[in-house]
Amino acid sequence: MLKPILLVEDNPNDLELTLVALDKSQLANEVIIARDGQEAIDYLLSEGNWTARVPGNPAVILLDLKLPKIDGLEVLEIIRSNGTLKSIPVVMLTSSREEQDLVRSYELGVNAYVVKPVEFSEFVEAIADLGVFWAVLNEPPPGSMRFRRPPVNE
């Protein structure tokens, strides 16, 4: 069983592009979609519509900065202040090139800050690289569960 990827994105076009890019990367991880910051927190804390979800943290959270209800920086702050969630890798995936957003994201403990490329092929490549790194190659902190893919028979 592979850990899921939590994708927090409210823009339907960016959501679709990200899902296409993750699909092209051929990751087997399930992608959980949250369309606002509150839904992301509900998923992570198994609250609201997510009370019956399979327990465990996602392999990585791809988090948009500008979100309805609770913005990405507030979501990040909640994650980093929660003992159960604070070690989850979080990648800010945003179109904001504002220095204040970048600085604040790192102050709050983001693992990576990626500006969404405008060109589709660059976007697909960036998302595929993110997915492979965080969901497959990255070693989680000690004490975290790591689900590995079974070896491929050649």
Protein backbone atom coordinates (compact mmCIF):
# COMPACT_ATOMS: atom_id res chain seq x y z
CA MET A 1 0.00 0.00 0.00
CA LEU A 2 1.40 3.37 -1.05
CA LYS A 3 0.79 6.52 0.93
CA PRO A 4 -1.45 9.00 -0.89
CA ILE A 5 -0.53 12.43 -2.17
CA LEU A 6 -2.72 15.24 -0.80
CA LEU A 7 -3.32 17.87 -3.48
CA VAL A 8 -4.83 21.09 -2.14
CA GLU A 9 -5.94 23.22 -5.09
CA ASP A 10 -9.04 25.35 -5.68
CA ASN A 11 -8.47 26.39 -9.30
CA PRO A 12 -10.19 23.81 -11.57
CA ASN A 13 -7.71 24.37 -14.43
CA ASP A 14 -4.64 24.00 -12.20
CA LEU A 15 -6.23 20.98 -10.53
CA GLU A 16 -6.80 19.27 -13.87
CA LEU A 17 -3.29 20.09 -15.11
CA THR A 18 -1.75 18.77 -11.90
CA LEU A 19 -3.74 15.53 -12.10
CA VAL A 20 -2.71 15.05 -15.74
CA ALA A 21 0.92 15.69 -14.81
CA LEU A 22 0.81 13.24 -11.91
CA ASP A 23 -0.83 10.65 -14.17
CA LYS A 24 1.91 11.10 -16.78
CA SER A 25 4.53 10.49 -14.09
CA GLN A 26 2.98 7.02 -13.64
CA LEU A 27 2.94 7.20 -9.86
CA ALA A 28 0.75 4.55 -8.31
CA ASN A 29 -0.05 6.73 -5.29
CA GLU A 30 -3.68 7.70 -4.84
CA VAL A 31 -4.22 11.45 -5.13
CA ILE A 32 -6.56 12.92 -2.53
CA ILE A 33 -8.02 16.27 -3.57
CA ALA A 34 -8.96 19.07 -1.19
CA ARG A 35 -10.42 22.18 -2.82
CA ASP A 36 -9.88 24.57 0.08
CA GLY A 37 -7.77 24.88 3.20
CA GLN A 38 -10.50 23.73 5.56
CA GLU A 39 -11.04 20.53 3.58
CA ALA A 40 -7.28 19.85 3.71
CA ILE A 41 -7.23 20.24 7.50
CA ASP A 42 -10.36 18.07 7.81
CA TYR A 43 -8.63 15.35 5.78
CA LEU A 44 -5.43 15.52 7.80
CA LEU A 45 -7.28 15.42 11.13
CA SER A 46 -9.89 12.84 9.94
CA GLU A 47 -12.73 15.27 10.61
CA GLY A 48 -15.84 16.40 8.73
CA ASN A 49 -16.36 14.34 5.57
CA TRP A 50 -13.08 12.50 6.26
CA THR A 51 -13.91 10.80 9.59
CA ALA A 52 -13.96 7.35 7.99
CA ARG A 53 -10.80 7.69 5.89
CA VAL A 54 -7.94 5.21 6.08
CA PRO A 55 -5.65 6.37 8.91
CA GLY A 56 -2.16 7.68 8.23
CA ASN A 57 -0.46 10.73 6.81
CA PRO A 58 0.05 11.39 3.11
CA ALA A 59 3.47 10.95 1.49
CA VAL A 60 3.47 14.64 0.58
CA ILE A 61 1.11 17.60 0.52
CA LEU A 62 1.06 19.73 -2.64
CA LEU A 63 -0.38 22.95 -1.26
CA ASP A 64 -1.61 25.99 -3.16
CA LEU A 65 -0.97 29.32 -1.49
CA LYS A 66 -4.17 31.18 -2.34
CA LEU A 67 -7.10 29.09 -1.09
CA PRO A 68 -10.65 29.79 0.08
CA LYS A 69 -11.67 29.42 3.74
CA ILE A 70 -8.13 28.88 5.09
CA ASP A 71 -5.20 30.00 2.92
CA GLY A 72 -2.14 27.88 2.26
CA LEU A 73 0.06 29.68 4.79
CA GLU A 74 -2.51 29.09 7.55
CA VAL A 75 -2.79 25.42 6.54
CA LEU A 76 1.00 25.12 6.69
CA GLU A 77 1.06 26.78 10.11
CA ILE A 78 -1.57 24.33 11.43
CA ILE A 79 0.36 21.36 10.02
CA ARG A 80 3.66 22.46 11.55
CA SER A 81 2.07 23.09 14.96
CA ASN A 82 0.51 19.60 15.16
CA GLY A 83 2.73 16.84 16.56
CA THR A 84 1.16 14.16 14.36
CA LEU A 85 1.31 16.18 11.15
CA LYS A 86 4.45 18.30 11.47
CA SER A 87 6.81 15.86 9.74
CA ILE A 88 4.71 15.54 6.55
CA PRO A 89 6.61 17.02 3.60
CA VAL A 90 4.78 20.08 2.28
CA VAL A 91 5.46 21.57 -1.13
CA MET A 92 3.97 24.99 -1.77
CA LEU A 93 2.78 24.81 -5.37
CA THR A 94 1.74 28.30 -6.37
CA SER A 95 1.74 30.94 -9.06
CA SER A 96 2.91 33.57 -6.57
CA ARG A 97 6.36 34.96 -7.15
CA GLU A 98 5.94 37.42 -4.26
CA GLU A 99 9.04 37.42 -2.08
CA GLN A 100 6.91 37.81 1.07
CA ASP A 101 5.03 34.58 0.23
CA LEU A 102 8.28 32.73 -0.35
CA VAL A 103 9.87 34.02 2.85
CA ARG A 104 6.78 33.36 4.97
CA SER A 105 6.42 29.82 3.57
CA TYR A 106 9.97 28.96 4.60
CA GLU A 107 9.56 30.64 7.98
CA LEU A 108 6.58 28.35 8.59
CA GLY A 109 8.57 25.25 7.59
CA VAL A 110 7.66 24.45 4.01
CA ASN A 111 9.93 21.81 2.45
CA ALA A 112 9.89 23.31 -1.04
CA TYR A 113 8.37 26.29 -2.84
CA VAL A 114 7.59 25.71 -6.50
CA VAL A 115 6.19 28.39 -8.80
CA LYS A 116 3.82 26.83 -11.32
CA PRO A 117 5.34 27.05 -14.79
CA VAL A 118 3.12 28.66 -17.43
CA GLU A 119 4.15 26.32 -20.23
CA PHE A 120 2.22 23.02 -20.07
CA SER A 121 5.18 20.73 -20.81
CA GLU A 122 7.27 22.45 -18.11
CA PHE A 123 4.37 22.14 -15.67
CA VAL A 124 3.98 18.41 -16.39
CA GLU A 125 7.72 17.86 -15.92
CA ALA A 126 7.81 19.85 -12.67
CA ILE A 127 4.85 17.96 -11.18
CA ALA A 128 6.23 14.59 -12.28
CA ASP A 129 9.57 15.40 -10.67
CA LEU A 130 7.85 16.51 -7.45
CA GLY A 131 5.72 13.39 -7.30
CA VAL A 132 8.59 10.99 -7.89
CA PHE A 133 10.87 12.73 -5.41
CA TRP A 134 8.44 13.11 -2.50
CA ALA A 135 6.33 9.98 -2.99
CA VAL A 136 9.06 7.52 -4.04
CA LEU A 137 12.63 8.72 -3.43
CA ASN A 138 12.35 10.78 -0.25
CA GLU A 139 13.15 9.01 3.01
CA PRO A 140 10.62 10.04 5.66
CA PRO A 141 11.75 10.99 9.18
CA PRO A 142 12.55 8.18 11.65
CA GLY A 143 9.41 6.64 13.07
CA SER A 144 7.34 7.36 9.96
CA MET A 145 5.82 4.52 8.03
CA ARG A 146 7.32 3.97 4.62
CA PHE A 147 5.37 2.00 2.05
CA ARG A 148 7.53 0.66 -0.74
CA ARG A 149 6.52 -0.51 -4.14
CA PRO A 150 7.08 -4.18 -4.83
CA PRO A 151 10.10 -4.79 -7.07
CA VAL A 152 9.39 -4.83 -10.79
CA ASN A 153 10.26 -8.11 -12.46
CA GLU A 154 12.25 -7.49 -15.59
